[in-house]
C-alpha atoms as a PDB file:
ATOM      1  CA  MET A   1      13.449 -12.408   8.936  1.00  0.00           C
ATOM      2  CA  SER A   2      11.088 -10.678  11.329  1.00  0.00           C
ATOM      3  CA  GLN A   3       8.784 -12.400  13.782  1.00  0.00           C
ATOM      4  CA  SER A   4       6.479 -13.043  10.830  1.00  0.00           C
ATOM      5  CA  SER A   5       7.465 -16.392   9.311  1.00  0.00           C
ATOM      6  CA  LYS A   6       6.605 -17.808   5.903  1.00  0.00           C
ATOM      7  CA  SER A   7       4.098 -20.184   7.494  1.00  0.00           C
ATOM      8  CA  ASN A   8       2.504 -17.157   9.130  1.00  0.00           C
ATOM      9  CA  ARG A   9       1.595 -15.517   5.780  1.00  0.00           C
ATOM     10  CA  PRO A  10      -1.779 -16.877   4.725  1.00  0.00           C
ATOM     11  CA  ILE A  11      -2.875 -16.288   1.120  1.00  0.00           C
ATOM     12  CA  VAL A  12      -6.261 -14.598   0.816  1.00  0.00           C
ATOM     13  CA  ASN A  13      -8.486 -13.805  -2.152  1.00  0.00           C
ATOM     14  CA  PHE A  14     -11.130 -11.120  -2.542  1.00  0.00           C
ATOM     15  CA  GLU A  15     -13.023  -9.493  -5.399  1.00  0.00           C
ATOM     16  CA  VAL A  16     -12.903  -6.043  -6.979  1.00  0.00           C
ATOM     17  CA  GLU A  17     -15.115  -4.602  -9.693  1.00  0.00           C
ATOM     18  CA  THR A  18     -12.950  -3.084 -12.449  1.00  0.00           C
ATOM     19  CA  ALA A  19     -13.792  -1.360 -15.717  1.00  0.00           C
ATOM     20  CA  ALA A  20     -13.255  -4.744 -17.417  1.00  0.00           C
ATOM     21  CA  GLY A  21     -15.490  -6.581 -14.918  1.00  0.00           C
ATOM     22  CA  PRO A  22     -14.974  -8.462 -11.653  1.00  0.00           C
ATOM     23  CA  VAL A  23     -11.415  -9.525 -10.812  1.00  0.00           C
ATOM     24  CA  THR A  24     -10.123 -11.813  -8.072  1.00  0.00           C
ATOM     25  CA  LEU A  25      -7.236 -10.271  -6.166  1.00  0.00           C
ATOM     26  CA  ALA A  26      -4.618 -12.323  -4.344  1.00  0.00           C
ATOM     27  CA  GLY A  27      -3.044 -11.120  -1.128  1.00  0.00           C
ATOM     28  CA  ARG A  28      -0.891 -12.181   1.785  1.00  0.00           C
ATOM     29  CA  LEU A  29      -1.407 -11.509   5.457  1.00  0.00           C
ATOM     30  CA  ASP A  30       1.776 -10.784   7.365  1.00  0.00           C
ATOM     31  CA  LEU A  31       0.810 -11.500  10.965  1.00  0.00           C
ATOM     32  CA  PRO A  32       2.628 -10.639  14.172  1.00  0.00           C
ATOM     33  CA  SER A  33       3.605 -13.379  16.595  1.00  0.00           C
ATOM     34  CA  GLY A  34       0.863 -12.270  19.017  1.00  0.00           C
ATOM     35  CA  PRO A  35      -2.486 -10.514  18.734  1.00  0.00           C
ATOM     36  CA  PRO A  36      -2.282  -7.562  16.317  1.00  0.00           C
ATOM     37  CA  GLN A  37      -2.012  -4.123  17.891  1.00  0.00           C
ATOM     38  CA  ALA A  38      -3.403  -2.700  14.634  1.00  0.00           C
ATOM     39  CA  TRP A  39      -4.002  -3.633  11.005  1.00  0.00           C
ATOM     40  CA  GLY A  40      -2.278  -2.137   7.981  1.00  0.00           C
ATOM     41  CA  LEU A  41      -2.499  -2.253   4.202  1.00  0.00           C
ATOM     42  CA  MET A  42       0.553  -2.295   1.896  1.00  0.00           C
ATOM     43  CA  VAL A  43       0.205  -1.603  -1.858  1.00  0.00           C
ATOM     44  CA  HIS A  44       2.990  -2.260  -4.386  1.00  0.00           C
ATOM     45  CA  GLY A  45       4.030  -0.054  -7.279  1.00  0.00           C
ATOM     46  CA  TYR A  46       3.258  -0.142 -10.990  1.00  0.00           C
ATOM     47  CA  THR A  47       4.429  -3.361 -12.731  1.00  0.00           C
ATOM     48  CA  CYS A  48       5.517  -4.783  -9.349  1.00  0.00           C
ATOM     49  CA  SER A  49       3.881  -7.294  -7.011  1.00  0.00           C
ATOM     50  CA  MET A  50       3.141  -7.954  -3.363  1.00  0.00           C
ATOM     51  CA  ASP A  51       6.287 -10.103  -3.251  1.00  0.00           C
ATOM     52  CA  LEU A  52       8.636  -7.314  -4.352  1.00  0.00           C
ATOM     53  CA  ALA A  53      11.419  -7.012  -1.764  1.00  0.00           C
ATOM     54  CA  ILE A  54      10.428  -3.527  -0.554  1.00  0.00           C
ATOM     55  CA  THR A  55       6.764  -4.486  -0.192  1.00  0.00           C
ATOM     56  CA  ARG A  56       7.579  -7.700   1.615  1.00  0.00           C
ATOM     57  CA  ARG A  57      10.150  -6.099   3.911  1.00  0.00           C
ATOM     58  CA  VAL A  58       7.867  -3.248   4.961  1.00  0.00           C
ATOM     59  CA  ALA A  59       5.045  -5.696   5.724  1.00  0.00           C
ATOM     60  CA  GLU A  60       7.369  -8.038   7.624  1.00  0.00           C
ATOM     61  CA  GLY A  61       8.839  -5.112   9.560  1.00  0.00           C
ATOM     62  CA  LEU A  62       5.399  -3.909  10.599  1.00  0.00           C
ATOM     63  CA  ALA A  63       4.416  -7.453  11.585  1.00  0.00           C
ATOM     64  CA  GLY A  64       7.558  -7.592  13.707  1.00  0.00           C
ATOM     65  CA  GLU A  65       6.250  -4.520  15.542  1.00  0.00           C
ATOM     66  CA  GLY A  66       2.862  -6.126  16.217  1.00  0.00           C
ATOM     67  CA  ILE A  67       0.936  -4.791  13.206  1.00  0.00           C
ATOM     68  CA  ALA A  68      -0.888  -7.236  10.937  1.00  0.00           C
ATOM     69  CA  VAL A  69      -0.543  -6.264   7.269  1.00  0.00           C
ATOM     70  CA  LEU A  70      -2.458  -7.194   4.152  1.00  0.00           C
ATOM     71  CA  ARG A  71      -0.361  -6.805   1.001  1.00  0.00           C
ATOM     72  CA  PHE A  72      -1.955  -7.748  -2.303  1.00  0.00           C
ATOM     73  CA  ASP A  73      -1.399  -7.758  -6.046  1.00  0.00           C
ATOM     74  CA  LEU A  74      -3.211  -5.043  -7.956  1.00  0.00           C
ATOM     75  CA  PRO A  75      -5.424  -6.133 -10.897  1.00  0.00           C
ATOM     76  CA  GLY A  76      -3.321  -7.503 -13.749  1.00  0.00           C
ATOM     77  CA  HIS A  77      -0.258  -7.879 -11.502  1.00  0.00           C
ATOM     78  CA  GLY A  78       1.389 -10.890  -9.854  1.00  0.00           C
ATOM     79  CA  LYS A  79      -1.049 -13.543  -8.642  1.00  0.00           C
ATOM     80  CA  SER A  80      -4.197 -11.416  -9.083  1.00  0.00           C
ATOM     81  CA  GLY A  81      -6.599 -11.801 -11.952  1.00  0.00           C
ATOM     82  CA  GLY A  82      -7.184  -9.307 -14.699  1.00  0.00           C
ATOM     83  CA  THR A  83      -5.107  -8.283 -17.669  1.00  0.00           C
ATOM     84  CA  PHE A  84      -2.397  -5.683 -17.107  1.00  0.00           C
ATOM     85  CA  ALA A  85      -3.220  -3.869 -20.361  1.00  0.00           C
ATOM     86  CA  ASP A  86      -6.882  -3.564 -19.360  1.00  0.00           C
ATOM     87  CA  THR A  87      -6.263  -1.891 -15.984  1.00  0.00           C
ATOM     88  CA  ASN A  88      -6.131   1.772 -15.096  1.00  0.00           C
ATOM     89  CA  PHE A  89      -5.591   3.988 -12.075  1.00  0.00           C
ATOM     90  CA  SER A  90      -9.297   3.901 -11.176  1.00  0.00           C
ATOM     91  CA  ASP A  91      -9.018   0.093 -10.969  1.00  0.00           C
ATOM     92  CA  TYR A  92      -6.060   0.463  -8.589  1.00  0.00           C
ATOM     93  CA  LYS A  93      -8.014   2.804  -6.319  1.00  0.00           C
ATOM     94  CA  ALA A  94     -10.985   0.407  -6.425  1.00  0.00           C
ATOM     95  CA  ALA A  95      -8.632  -2.460  -5.509  1.00  0.00           C
ATOM     96  CA  VAL A  96      -7.364  -0.522  -2.467  1.00  0.00           C
ATOM     97  CA  LEU A  97     -10.952   0.049  -1.330  1.00  0.00           C
ATOM     98  CA  ALA A  98     -11.795  -3.636  -1.939  1.00  0.00           C
ATOM     99  CA  ALA A  99      -8.798  -4.639   0.207  1.00  0.00           C
ATOM    100  CA  VAL A 100      -9.990  -2.303   2.966  1.00  0.00           C
ATOM    101  CA  GLU A 101     -13.477  -3.798   2.768  1.00  0.00           C
ATOM    102  CA  TYR A 102     -12.009  -7.301   2.972  1.00  0.00           C
ATOM    103  CA  LEU A 103     -10.140  -6.323   6.143  1.00  0.00           C
ATOM    104  CA  ARG A 104     -13.239  -4.650   7.609  1.00  0.00           C
ATOM    105  CA  LYS A 105     -15.292  -7.808   7.102  1.00  0.00           C
ATOM    106  CA  GLN A 106     -12.695 -10.447   7.974  1.00  0.00           C
ATOM    107  CA  HIS A 107     -10.514  -8.728  10.590  1.00  0.00           C
ATOM    108  CA  THR A 108     -10.385  -4.986  11.384  1.00  0.00           C
ATOM    109  CA  ALA A 109     -10.208  -1.956   9.101  1.00  0.00           C
ATOM    110  CA  PRO A 110      -6.628  -0.806   8.519  1.00  0.00           C
ATOM    111  CA  ARG A 111      -5.365   2.099  10.579  1.00  0.00           C
ATOM    112  CA  ILE A 112      -2.079   2.234   8.668  1.00  0.00           C
ATOM    113  CA  LEU A 113      -1.873   2.650   4.884  1.00  0.00           C
ATOM    114  CA  VAL A 114       1.449   2.254   3.067  1.00  0.00           C
ATOM    115  CA  GLY A 115       2.043   2.465  -0.659  1.00  0.00           C
ATOM    116  CA  HIS A 116       5.080   2.200  -2.897  1.00  0.00           C
ATOM    117  CA  SER A 117       5.335   4.299  -6.074  1.00  0.00           C
ATOM    118  CA  LEU A 118       2.024   4.266  -7.966  1.00  0.00           C
ATOM    119  CA  GLY A 119       0.586   2.096  -5.166  1.00  0.00           C
ATOM    120  CA  GLY A 120       1.219   5.091  -2.903  1.00  0.00           C
ATOM    121  CA  ALA A 121      -0.740   7.290  -5.301  1.00  0.00           C
ATOM    122  CA  ALA A 122      -3.615   4.780  -5.165  1.00  0.00           C
ATOM    123  CA  ILE A 123      -3.447   4.827  -1.342  1.00  0.00           C
ATOM    124  CA  LEU A 124      -3.558   8.631  -1.343  1.00  0.00           C
ATOM    125  CA  ALA A 125      -6.504   8.681  -3.757  1.00  0.00           C
ATOM    126  CA  ALA A 126      -8.461   6.185  -1.635  1.00  0.00           C
ATOM    127  CA  SER A 127      -7.488   7.466   1.829  1.00  0.00           C
ATOM    128  CA  ALA A 128     -10.333   9.993   2.061  1.00  0.00           C
ATOM    129  CA  GLU A 129     -12.729   7.020   1.887  1.00  0.00           C
ATOM    130  CA  ILE A 130     -10.999   5.135   4.718  1.00  0.00           C
ATOM    131  CA  PRO A 131     -12.010   6.986   7.909  1.00  0.00           C
ATOM    132  CA  GLU A 132     -10.375   4.373  10.157  1.00  0.00           C
ATOM    133  CA  ALA A 133      -6.907   5.223   8.802  1.00  0.00           C
ATOM    134  CA  SER A 134      -4.798   7.274  11.182  1.00  0.00           C
ATOM    135  CA  ALA A 135      -1.482   7.044   9.310  1.00  0.00           C
ATOM    136  CA  VAL A 136      -0.621   7.168   5.609  1.00  0.00           C
ATOM    137  CA  ALA A 137       2.908   6.641   4.310  1.00  0.00           C
ATOM    138  CA  THR A 138       4.214   6.548   0.768  1.00  0.00           C
ATOM    139  CA  ILE A 139       7.575   5.410  -0.570  1.00  0.00           C
ATOM    140  CA  GLY A 140       8.825   6.854  -3.852  1.00  0.00           C
ATOM    141  CA  THR A 141       5.361   8.097  -4.734  1.00  0.00           C
ATOM    142  CA  PRO A 142       5.005  10.945  -7.210  1.00  0.00           C
ATOM    143  CA  ALA A 143       3.212  14.022  -5.892  1.00  0.00           C
ATOM    144  CA  ASP A 144       1.090  14.048  -9.039  1.00  0.00           C
ATOM    145  CA  VAL A 145       0.077  11.073 -11.217  1.00  0.00           C
ATOM    146  CA  SER A 146       0.778  13.242 -14.274  1.00  0.00           C
ATOM    147  CA  GLU A 147       4.468  13.067 -13.257  1.00  0.00           C
ATOM    148  CA  VAL A 148       4.318   9.288 -13.782  1.00  0.00           C
ATOM    149  CA  VAL A 149       2.798   9.848 -17.214  1.00  0.00           C
ATOM    150  CA  ARG A 150       5.676  12.198 -18.063  1.00  0.00           C
ATOM    151  CA  LEU A 151       8.326   9.784 -16.748  1.00  0.00           C
ATOM    152  CA  ILE A 152       7.090   6.858 -18.820  1.00  0.00           C
ATOM    153  CA  GLY A 153       6.763   8.996 -21.919  1.00  0.00           C
ATOM    154  CA  ALA A 154       3.015   8.763 -22.397  1.00  0.00           C
ATOM    155  CA  SER A 155       1.267  11.578 -24.195  1.00  0.00           C
ATOM    156  CA  PRO A 156      -1.745  12.776 -22.141  1.00  0.00           C
ATOM    157  CA  GLU A 157      -3.118  14.361 -25.313  1.00  0.00           C
ATOM    158  CA  GLN A 158      -2.868  11.044 -27.182  1.00  0.00           C
ATOM    159  CA  VAL A 159      -4.515   9.188 -24.306  1.00  0.00           C
ATOM    160  CA  GLU A 160      -7.341  11.717 -24.215  1.00  0.00           C
ATOM    161  CA  ALA A 161      -7.836  11.649 -28.002  1.00  0.00           C
ATOM    162  CA  GLN A 162      -7.347   7.909 -28.636  1.00  0.00           C
ATOM    163  CA  GLY A 163      -7.958   6.346 -25.237  1.00  0.00           C
ATOM    164  CA  GLU A 164      -4.453   4.861 -25.152  1.00  0.00           C
ATOM    165  CA  ALA A 165      -0.787   5.565 -25.859  1.00  0.00           C
ATOM    166  CA  ALA A 166       2.332   3.453 -26.285  1.00  0.00           C
ATOM    167  CA  VAL A 167       4.841   3.725 -23.440  1.00  0.00           C
ATOM    168  CA  THR A 168       8.258   2.279 -22.721  1.00  0.00           C
ATOM    169  CA  ILE A 169       8.803   0.806 -19.258  1.00  0.00           C
END
């Protein structure tokens, strides 16, 4: 384990406004052993959580290098509120911006943004609205969200016509 220990990972909660209404998001702060050199934000992938091994390891690794990291569960995922079936990509982008606002108010705006899979796509979509960010990294993130739709077998035409489509994950 890095310099960040389990007792050094406070749970935090903050709010986001989604299409279905306000949702409480749960997050963890991975803190370095000394004063943070910078703050970062880590976002997990679709159907995952902030406690997924890759998400946790990246945050712990950054904390070990002196960077404080907020990782959180997207709406309808893990320990956050909301219903998975009622969330969409716009909610994920809004959650990223809510996490940034939480850090701005409680600590310091993140300079480093990291996202895994669809969380990386949400980071990329929100990054233009985070002027403090000086580094953006994605892991296994599709270049185009439509690629995710293709991979999970959703029909964009059906979604557009009916507002939803059945997918197999």
